Amino acid sequence: MRLSLSVLLVTLALCCYEDPASYKTILRILYDSPQEVIQAKLEVKNCTDQISLENRMLIARTMEQHD
């Protein structure tokens, strides 16, 4: 997987506040991923949703610097 795609997925996980059903639909449409992959991404999103906004911004800036 290319680094830019990884950064995009992390950014979506950090910044999307959509409900899990919408996020799951977007993943299915854009990436045509197997159900296990979609479930794993939803678990990551659930974890990142609990990170404070300040820490999300720090993570996003760090990811941008390494792209």
N, C-alpha and C. Protein backbone atom coordinates (compact mmCIF):
# COMPACT_ATOMS: atom_id res chain seq x y z
N MET A 1 0.85 -1.16 0.00
CA MET A 1 0.00 0.00 0.00
C MET A 1 0.90 1.24 0.00
N ARG A 2 0.57 2.19 -0.82
CA ARG A 2 1.38 3.39 -0.91
C ARG A 2 1.22 4.23 0.34
N LEU A 3 2.24 4.98 0.66
CA LEU A 3 2.23 5.81 1.87
C LEU A 3 1.11 6.84 1.82
N SER A 4 0.87 7.44 0.65
CA SER A 4 -0.17 8.46 0.57
C SER A 4 -1.55 7.88 0.88
N LEU A 5 -1.79 6.64 0.49
CA LEU A 5 -3.06 5.99 0.80
C LEU A 5 -3.16 5.74 2.30
N SER A 6 -2.06 5.35 2.91
CA SER A 6 -2.05 5.14 4.36
C SER A 6 -2.34 6.45 5.09
N VAL A 7 -1.73 7.52 4.63
CA VAL A 7 -1.97 8.83 5.24
C VAL A 7 -3.43 9.23 5.07
N LEU A 8 -3.99 8.98 3.92
CA LEU A 8 -5.39 9.29 3.68
C LEU A 8 -6.29 8.53 4.65
N LEU A 9 -6.03 7.25 4.83
CA LEU A 9 -6.84 6.44 5.74
C LEU A 9 -6.73 6.92 7.17
N VAL A 10 -5.51 7.27 7.58
CA VAL A 10 -5.32 7.79 8.95
C VAL A 10 -6.03 9.11 9.11
N THR A 11 -5.93 9.97 8.10
CA THR A 11 -6.59 11.27 8.16
C THR A 11 -8.10 11.09 8.25
N LEU A 12 -8.64 10.19 7.45
CA LEU A 12 -10.08 9.93 7.52
C LEU A 12 -10.47 9.42 8.90
N ALA A 13 -9.67 8.53 9.43
CA ALA A 13 -9.96 7.98 10.76
C ALA A 13 -9.89 9.06 11.83
N LEU A 14 -8.94 9.98 11.69
CA LEU A 14 -8.78 11.03 12.70
C LEU A 14 -9.81 12.13 12.59
N CYS A 15 -10.23 12.43 11.38
CA CYS A 15 -11.05 13.62 11.16
C CYS A 15 -12.52 13.35 10.90
N CYS A 16 -12.89 12.17 10.55
CA CYS A 16 -14.29 11.89 10.22
C CYS A 16 -15.11 11.70 11.49
N TYR A 17 -16.20 12.41 11.56
CA TYR A 17 -17.10 12.27 12.70
C TYR A 17 -18.40 11.61 12.27
N GLU A 18 -18.40 10.99 11.10
CA GLU A 18 -19.60 10.35 10.60
C GLU A 18 -19.89 9.10 11.42
N ASP A 19 -21.13 8.68 11.37
CA ASP A 19 -21.46 7.47 12.11
C ASP A 19 -20.83 6.27 11.42
N PRO A 20 -20.64 5.18 12.17
CA PRO A 20 -19.96 4.00 11.61
C PRO A 20 -20.59 3.45 10.35
N ALA A 21 -21.90 3.53 10.22
CA ALA A 21 -22.55 3.00 9.01
C ALA A 21 -22.13 3.79 7.78
N SER A 22 -22.07 5.11 7.88
CA SER A 22 -21.65 5.94 6.75
C SER A 22 -20.19 5.68 6.41
N TYR A 23 -19.37 5.60 7.44
CA TYR A 23 -17.95 5.36 7.24
C TYR A 23 -17.73 4.00 6.57
N LYS A 24 -18.48 3.00 7.02
CA LYS A 24 -18.38 1.65 6.46
C LYS A 24 -18.77 1.66 4.98
N THR A 25 -19.82 2.40 4.64
CA THR A 25 -20.26 2.50 3.25
C THR A 25 -19.18 3.15 2.39
N ILE A 26 -18.58 4.21 2.91
CA ILE A 26 -17.52 4.90 2.16
C ILE A 26 -16.34 3.96 1.92
N LEU A 27 -15.95 3.22 2.95
CA LEU A 27 -14.85 2.27 2.78
C LEU A 27 -15.18 1.21 1.74
N ARG A 28 -16.39 0.73 1.79
CA ARG A 28 -16.81 -0.32 0.85
C ARG A 28 -16.80 0.21 -0.59
N ILE A 29 -17.29 1.42 -0.80
CA ILE A 29 -17.37 2.00 -2.14
C ILE A 29 -15.97 2.35 -2.67
N LEU A 30 -15.18 3.03 -1.85
CA LEU A 30 -13.89 3.52 -2.32
C LEU A 30 -12.84 2.44 -2.47
N TYR A 31 -12.83 1.48 -1.57
CA TYR A 31 -11.73 0.52 -1.55
C TYR A 31 -12.14 -0.91 -1.84
N ASP A 32 -13.42 -1.18 -1.90
CA ASP A 32 -13.91 -2.53 -2.18
C ASP A 32 -13.16 -3.56 -1.34
N SER A 33 -13.04 -3.26 -0.05
CA SER A 33 -12.28 -4.10 0.87
C SER A 33 -13.11 -5.27 1.38
N PRO A 34 -12.44 -6.35 1.75
CA PRO A 34 -13.15 -7.47 2.38
C PRO A 34 -13.73 -7.02 3.72
N GLN A 35 -14.73 -7.71 4.20
CA GLN A 35 -15.42 -7.35 5.43
C GLN A 35 -14.46 -7.28 6.62
N GLU A 36 -13.48 -8.17 6.69
CA GLU A 36 -12.53 -8.17 7.80
C GLU A 36 -11.71 -6.88 7.83
N VAL A 37 -11.33 -6.39 6.66
CA VAL A 37 -10.55 -5.16 6.57
C VAL A 37 -11.40 -3.97 7.00
N ILE A 38 -12.63 -3.94 6.53
CA ILE A 38 -13.54 -2.86 6.91
C ILE A 38 -13.75 -2.86 8.42
N GLN A 39 -13.95 -4.02 9.01
CA GLN A 39 -14.14 -4.12 10.45
C GLN A 39 -12.91 -3.63 11.20
N ALA A 40 -11.73 -3.97 10.72
CA ALA A 40 -10.49 -3.51 11.36
C ALA A 40 -10.37 -1.99 11.29
N LYS A 41 -10.73 -1.41 10.15
CA LYS A 41 -10.67 0.04 10.01
C LYS A 41 -11.67 0.72 10.92
N LEU A 42 -12.84 0.12 11.10
CA LEU A 42 -13.85 0.68 12.01
C LEU A 42 -13.34 0.63 13.46
N GLU A 43 -12.63 -0.41 13.82
CA GLU A 43 -12.07 -0.49 15.16
C GLU A 43 -11.02 0.60 15.38
N VAL A 44 -10.20 0.84 14.36
CA VAL A 44 -9.21 1.91 14.46
C VAL A 44 -9.91 3.25 14.59
N LYS A 45 -10.97 3.46 13.81
CA LYS A 45 -11.72 4.71 13.89
C LYS A 45 -12.32 4.90 15.28
N ASN A 46 -12.86 3.84 15.86
CA ASN A 46 -13.42 3.95 17.20
C ASN A 46 -12.36 4.37 18.21
N CYS A 47 -11.15 3.85 18.06
CA CYS A 47 -10.06 4.25 18.95
C CYS A 47 -9.66 5.70 18.74
N THR A 48 -9.50 6.09 17.48
CA THR A 48 -9.06 7.46 17.20
C THR A 48 -10.12 8.49 17.53
N ASP A 49 -11.39 8.10 17.54
CA ASP A 49 -12.45 9.03 17.93
C ASP A 49 -12.32 9.46 19.38
N GLN A 50 -11.60 8.69 20.16
CA GLN A 50 -11.43 9.00 21.58
C GLN A 50 -10.20 9.89 21.85
N ILE A 51 -9.42 10.17 20.83
CA ILE A 51 -8.24 11.01 20.97
C ILE A 51 -8.68 12.47 20.97
N SER A 52 -8.09 13.28 21.84
CA SER A 52 -8.44 14.70 21.91
C SER A 52 -8.09 15.40 20.59
N LEU A 53 -8.77 16.50 20.31
CA LEU A 53 -8.54 17.25 19.08
C LEU A 53 -7.10 17.73 19.00
N GLU A 54 -6.56 18.19 20.12
CA GLU A 54 -5.17 18.66 20.14
C GLU A 54 -4.21 17.54 19.72
N ASN A 55 -4.40 16.37 20.27
CA ASN A 55 -3.53 15.24 19.91
C ASN A 55 -3.76 14.79 18.48
N ARG A 56 -4.99 14.89 17.98
CA ARG A 56 -5.25 14.55 16.57
C ARG A 56 -4.47 15.46 15.64
N MET A 57 -4.45 16.74 15.99
CA MET A 57 -3.73 17.70 15.15
C MET A 57 -2.23 17.40 15.17
N LEU A 58 -1.70 17.04 16.33
CA LEU A 58 -0.28 16.67 16.40
C LEU A 58 0.02 15.45 15.54
N ILE A 59 -0.84 14.47 15.58
CA ILE A 59 -0.66 13.26 14.76
C ILE A 59 -0.75 13.61 13.28
N ALA A 60 -1.73 14.43 12.91
CA ALA A 60 -1.89 14.81 11.50
C ALA A 60 -0.66 15.56 11.00
N ARG A 61 -0.13 16.49 11.80
CA ARG A 61 1.08 17.22 11.40
C ARG A 61 2.27 16.29 11.26
N THR A 62 2.38 15.33 12.16
CA THR A 62 3.48 14.37 12.09
C THR A 62 3.38 13.54 10.81
N MET A 63 2.16 13.09 10.49
CA MET A 63 1.96 12.29 9.28
C MET A 63 2.29 13.09 8.02
N GLU A 64 1.94 14.38 8.01
CA GLU A 64 2.23 15.24 6.85
C GLU A 64 3.74 15.38 6.66
N GLN A 65 4.47 15.50 7.75
CA GLN A 65 5.92 15.68 7.66
C GLN A 65 6.61 14.45 7.09
N HIS A 66 6.03 13.26 7.28
CA HIS A 66 6.66 12.03 6.82
C HIS A 66 6.16 11.57 5.48
N ASP A 67 5.31 12.35 4.84
CA ASP A 67 4.76 11.96 3.53
C ASP A 67 5.70 12.27 2.41
